[in-house]
């Protein structure tokens, strides 16, 4: 990208660095926060008969979303070694890998509560 420097008036390449974390104005951070918020809302809306378990519609939905996110995170390893031009920007893939990977820490414990001891489950520990 070329531009005119406002101070010197010379043409040249801009040297401003943009981190992969702020790629496209935090696009994947916004997507990851929305996915985490939706998973929490699904968890709160679901009221199964008896105690919470993974065999409800919410458990299957969040488990499927979590599995698809894990597959997309694994695909990043293939993508960074591929030189095909039609697979998107590697910086975008890295940004998605980081933020969506962190969102899994919220999504996956909601799909199937694991009881630790004395009726304490993993979602209740995350409140």
C-alpha atoms as a PDB file:
ATOM      1  CA  UNK A   1       0.000   0.000   0.000  1.00  0.00           C
ATOM      2  CA  UNK A   2       1.443   3.333  -0.960  1.00  0.00           C
ATOM      3  CA  UNK A   3       0.532   6.674   0.496  1.00  0.00           C
ATOM      4  CA  UNK A   4       1.774  10.217   0.794  1.00  0.00           C
ATOM      5  CA  UNK A   5       3.465  11.084   4.060  1.00  0.00           C
ATOM      6  CA  UNK A   6       1.662  14.198   5.387  1.00  0.00           C
ATOM      7  CA  UNK A   7       4.822  15.595   6.982  1.00  0.00           C
ATOM      8  CA  UNK A   8       7.361  15.195   4.198  1.00  0.00           C
ATOM      9  CA  UNK A   9       4.963  14.888   1.248  1.00  0.00           C
ATOM     10  CA  UNK A  10       6.881  11.900  -0.154  1.00  0.00           C
ATOM     11  CA  UNK A  11       5.343   8.803  -1.672  1.00  0.00           C
ATOM     12  CA  UNK A  12       6.205   5.513  -0.064  1.00  0.00           C
ATOM     13  CA  UNK A  13       5.050   2.369   1.599  1.00  0.00           C
ATOM     14  CA  UNK A  14       3.331   2.668   4.957  1.00  0.00           C
ATOM     15  CA  UNK A  15       5.289   0.885   7.653  1.00  0.00           C
ATOM     16  CA  UNK A  16       2.525   0.593  10.216  1.00  0.00           C
ATOM     17  CA  UNK A  17       2.400  -2.915  11.649  1.00  0.00           C
ATOM     18  CA  UNK A  18      -0.963  -4.519  12.405  1.00  0.00           C
ATOM     19  CA  UNK A  19      -0.929  -7.455  14.791  1.00  0.00           C
ATOM     20  CA  UNK A  20      -2.885 -10.601  14.037  1.00  0.00           C
ATOM     21  CA  UNK A  21      -4.861  -9.967  17.214  1.00  0.00           C
ATOM     22  CA  UNK A  22      -6.331  -6.723  15.839  1.00  0.00           C
ATOM     23  CA  UNK A  23      -6.871  -8.028  12.303  1.00  0.00           C
ATOM     24  CA  UNK A  24      -9.798  -6.258  10.636  1.00  0.00           C
ATOM     25  CA  UNK A  25     -10.745  -4.395  13.802  1.00  0.00           C
ATOM     26  CA  UNK A  26     -10.969  -7.454  16.048  1.00  0.00           C
ATOM     27  CA  UNK A  27     -13.296  -9.387  13.728  1.00  0.00           C
ATOM     28  CA  UNK A  28     -12.679 -12.808  15.264  1.00  0.00           C
ATOM     29  CA  UNK A  29     -12.704 -11.470  18.819  1.00  0.00           C
ATOM     30  CA  UNK A  30     -16.228 -10.206  18.171  1.00  0.00           C
ATOM     31  CA  UNK A  31     -17.258 -13.537  16.630  1.00  0.00           C
ATOM     32  CA  UNK A  32     -15.740 -15.486  19.544  1.00  0.00           C
ATOM     33  CA  UNK A  33     -17.461 -13.283  22.144  1.00  0.00           C
ATOM     34  CA  UNK A  34     -20.780 -13.659  20.328  1.00  0.00           C
ATOM     35  CA  UNK A  35     -20.352 -17.453  20.179  1.00  0.00           C
ATOM     36  CA  UNK A  36     -19.537 -17.571  23.896  1.00  0.00           C
ATOM     37  CA  UNK A  37     -22.539 -15.375  24.743  1.00  0.00           C
ATOM     38  CA  UNK A  38     -24.854 -17.533  22.627  1.00  0.00           C
ATOM     39  CA  UNK A  39     -23.560 -20.700  24.300  1.00  0.00           C
ATOM     40  CA  UNK A  40     -24.144 -19.234  27.756  1.00  0.00           C
ATOM     41  CA  UNK A  41     -27.668 -18.191  26.735  1.00  0.00           C
ATOM     42  CA  UNK A  42     -28.402 -21.672  25.378  1.00  0.00           C
ATOM     43  CA  UNK A  43     -27.125 -23.169  28.622  1.00  0.00           C
ATOM     44  CA  UNK A  44     -29.335 -20.866  30.695  1.00  0.00           C
ATOM     45  CA  UNK A  45     -32.437 -21.379  28.527  1.00  0.00           C
ATOM     46  CA  UNK A  46     -32.208 -25.174  28.610  1.00  0.00           C
ATOM     47  CA  UNK A  47     -34.063 -26.652  31.572  1.00  0.00           C
ATOM     48  CA  UNK A  48     -33.736 -30.426  31.428  1.00  0.00           C
ATOM     49  CA  UNK A  49     -35.762 -32.789  33.562  1.00  0.00           C
ATOM     50  CA  UNK A  50     -33.596 -33.570  36.582  1.00  0.00           C
ATOM     51  CA  UNK A  51     -29.968 -32.490  36.664  1.00  0.00           C
ATOM     52  CA  UNK A  52     -28.062 -31.121  33.700  1.00  0.00           C
ATOM     53  CA  UNK A  53     -26.543 -33.664  31.365  1.00  0.00           C
ATOM     54  CA  UNK A  54     -25.280 -33.737  27.783  1.00  0.00           C
ATOM     55  CA  UNK A  55     -28.209 -35.610  26.272  1.00  0.00           C
ATOM     56  CA  UNK A  56     -30.432 -32.561  25.749  1.00  0.00           C
ATOM     57  CA  UNK A  57     -30.833 -30.451  22.623  1.00  0.00           C
ATOM     58  CA  UNK A  58     -28.508 -27.870  24.177  1.00  0.00           C
ATOM     59  CA  UNK A  59     -25.827 -30.457  24.920  1.00  0.00           C
ATOM     60  CA  UNK A  60     -25.916 -31.847  21.388  1.00  0.00           C
ATOM     61  CA  UNK A  61     -25.921 -28.375  19.833  1.00  0.00           C
ATOM     62  CA  UNK A  62     -23.019 -27.060  21.903  1.00  0.00           C
ATOM     63  CA  UNK A  63     -21.106 -30.322  21.461  1.00  0.00           C
ATOM     64  CA  UNK A  64     -21.487 -30.162  17.679  1.00  0.00           C
ATOM     65  CA  UNK A  65     -20.424 -26.522  17.582  1.00  0.00           C
ATOM     66  CA  UNK A  66     -17.445 -27.352  19.793  1.00  0.00           C
ATOM     67  CA  UNK A  67     -16.407 -30.283  17.585  1.00  0.00           C
ATOM     68  CA  UNK A  68     -16.642 -28.106  14.454  1.00  0.00           C
ATOM     69  CA  UNK A  69     -14.532 -25.425  16.131  1.00  0.00           C
ATOM     70  CA  UNK A  70     -11.918 -28.028  17.072  1.00  0.00           C
ATOM     71  CA  UNK A  71     -11.792 -29.252  13.459  1.00  0.00           C
ATOM     72  CA  UNK A  72     -11.333 -25.689  12.199  1.00  0.00           C
ATOM     73  CA  UNK A  73      -8.540 -25.148  14.735  1.00  0.00           C
ATOM     74  CA  UNK A  74      -6.840 -28.326  13.556  1.00  0.00           C
ATOM     75  CA  UNK A  75      -7.175 -27.192   9.936  1.00  0.00           C
ATOM     76  CA  UNK A  76      -4.952 -24.180  10.718  1.00  0.00           C
ATOM     77  CA  UNK A  77      -1.956 -26.528  10.968  1.00  0.00           C
ATOM     78  CA  UNK A  78      -2.606 -27.683   7.410  1.00  0.00           C
ATOM     79  CA  UNK A  79      -3.355 -24.197   6.160  1.00  0.00           C
ATOM     80  CA  UNK A  80      -0.108 -22.643   7.352  1.00  0.00           C
ATOM     81  CA  UNK A  81       1.867 -25.229   5.366  1.00  0.00           C
ATOM     82  CA  UNK A  82      -0.205 -24.824   2.213  1.00  0.00           C
ATOM     83  CA  UNK A  83       0.724 -22.308  -0.446  1.00  0.00           C
ATOM     84  CA  UNK A  84      -2.548 -22.295  -2.363  1.00  0.00           C
ATOM     85  CA  UNK A  85      -3.866 -18.814  -2.979  1.00  0.00           C
ATOM     86  CA  UNK A  86      -7.570 -19.541  -2.566  1.00  0.00           C
ATOM     87  CA  UNK A  87      -7.541 -20.450   1.143  1.00  0.00           C
ATOM     88  CA  UNK A  88      -7.573 -16.949   2.592  1.00  0.00           C
ATOM     89  CA  UNK A  89      -5.144 -14.777   4.452  1.00  0.00           C
ATOM     90  CA  UNK A  90      -2.875 -16.582   6.915  1.00  0.00           C
ATOM     91  CA  UNK A  91      -3.097 -13.690   9.375  1.00  0.00           C
ATOM     92  CA  UNK A  92      -6.880 -14.049   9.380  1.00  0.00           C
ATOM     93  CA  UNK A  93      -6.565 -17.781  10.016  1.00  0.00           C
ATOM     94  CA  UNK A  94      -4.196 -17.140  12.939  1.00  0.00           C
ATOM     95  CA  UNK A  95      -6.525 -14.534  14.437  1.00  0.00           C
ATOM     96  CA  UNK A  96      -9.471 -16.928  14.150  1.00  0.00           C
ATOM     97  CA  UNK A  97      -7.354 -19.747  15.613  1.00  0.00           C
ATOM     98  CA  UNK A  98      -6.490 -17.729  18.716  1.00  0.00           C
ATOM     99  CA  UNK A  99      -9.873 -16.190  19.477  1.00  0.00           C
ATOM    100  CA  UNK A 100     -12.047 -19.181  18.584  1.00  0.00           C
ATOM    101  CA  UNK A 101      -9.712 -21.439  20.548  1.00  0.00           C
ATOM    102  CA  UNK A 102     -10.192 -19.287  23.627  1.00  0.00           C
ATOM    103  CA  UNK A 103     -13.971 -19.287  23.098  1.00  0.00           C
ATOM    104  CA  UNK A 104     -13.895 -23.092  23.335  1.00  0.00           C
ATOM    105  CA  UNK A 105     -13.033 -22.696  27.018  1.00  0.00           C
ATOM    106  CA  UNK A 106     -16.538 -21.292  27.454  1.00  0.00           C
ATOM    107  CA  UNK A 107     -18.433 -23.408  24.917  1.00  0.00           C
ATOM    108  CA  UNK A 108     -17.231 -26.942  25.682  1.00  0.00           C
ATOM    109  CA  UNK A 109     -17.874 -27.073  29.444  1.00  0.00           C
ATOM    110  CA  UNK A 110     -21.482 -26.101  28.728  1.00  0.00           C
ATOM    111  CA  UNK A 111     -22.199 -29.089  26.477  1.00  0.00           C
ATOM    112  CA  UNK A 112     -21.727 -31.796  29.101  1.00  0.00           C
ATOM    113  CA  UNK A 113     -21.305 -31.008  32.789  1.00  0.00           C
ATOM    114  CA  UNK A 114     -18.672 -33.152  34.435  1.00  0.00           C
ATOM    115  CA  UNK A 115     -19.393 -33.747  38.103  1.00  0.00           C
ATOM    116  CA  UNK A 116     -16.261 -33.434  40.177  1.00  0.00           C
ATOM    117  CA  UNK A 117     -17.406 -34.210  43.719  1.00  0.00           C
ATOM    118  CA  UNK A 118     -20.307 -33.468  46.041  1.00  0.00           C
ATOM    119  CA  UNK A 119     -22.547 -32.381  43.160  1.00  0.00           C
ATOM    120  CA  UNK A 120     -20.150 -29.677  41.951  1.00  0.00           C
ATOM    121  CA  UNK A 121     -20.077 -29.520  38.167  1.00  0.00           C
ATOM    122  CA  UNK A 122     -17.705 -27.730  35.812  1.00  0.00           C
ATOM    123  CA  UNK A 123     -20.261 -25.109  34.656  1.00  0.00           C
ATOM    124  CA  UNK A 124     -21.008 -24.174  38.254  1.00  0.00           C
ATOM    125  CA  UNK A 125     -17.288 -23.634  38.846  1.00  0.00           C
ATOM    126  CA  UNK A 126     -17.181 -21.180  35.926  1.00  0.00           C
ATOM    127  CA  UNK A 127     -19.865 -18.863  37.309  1.00  0.00           C
END
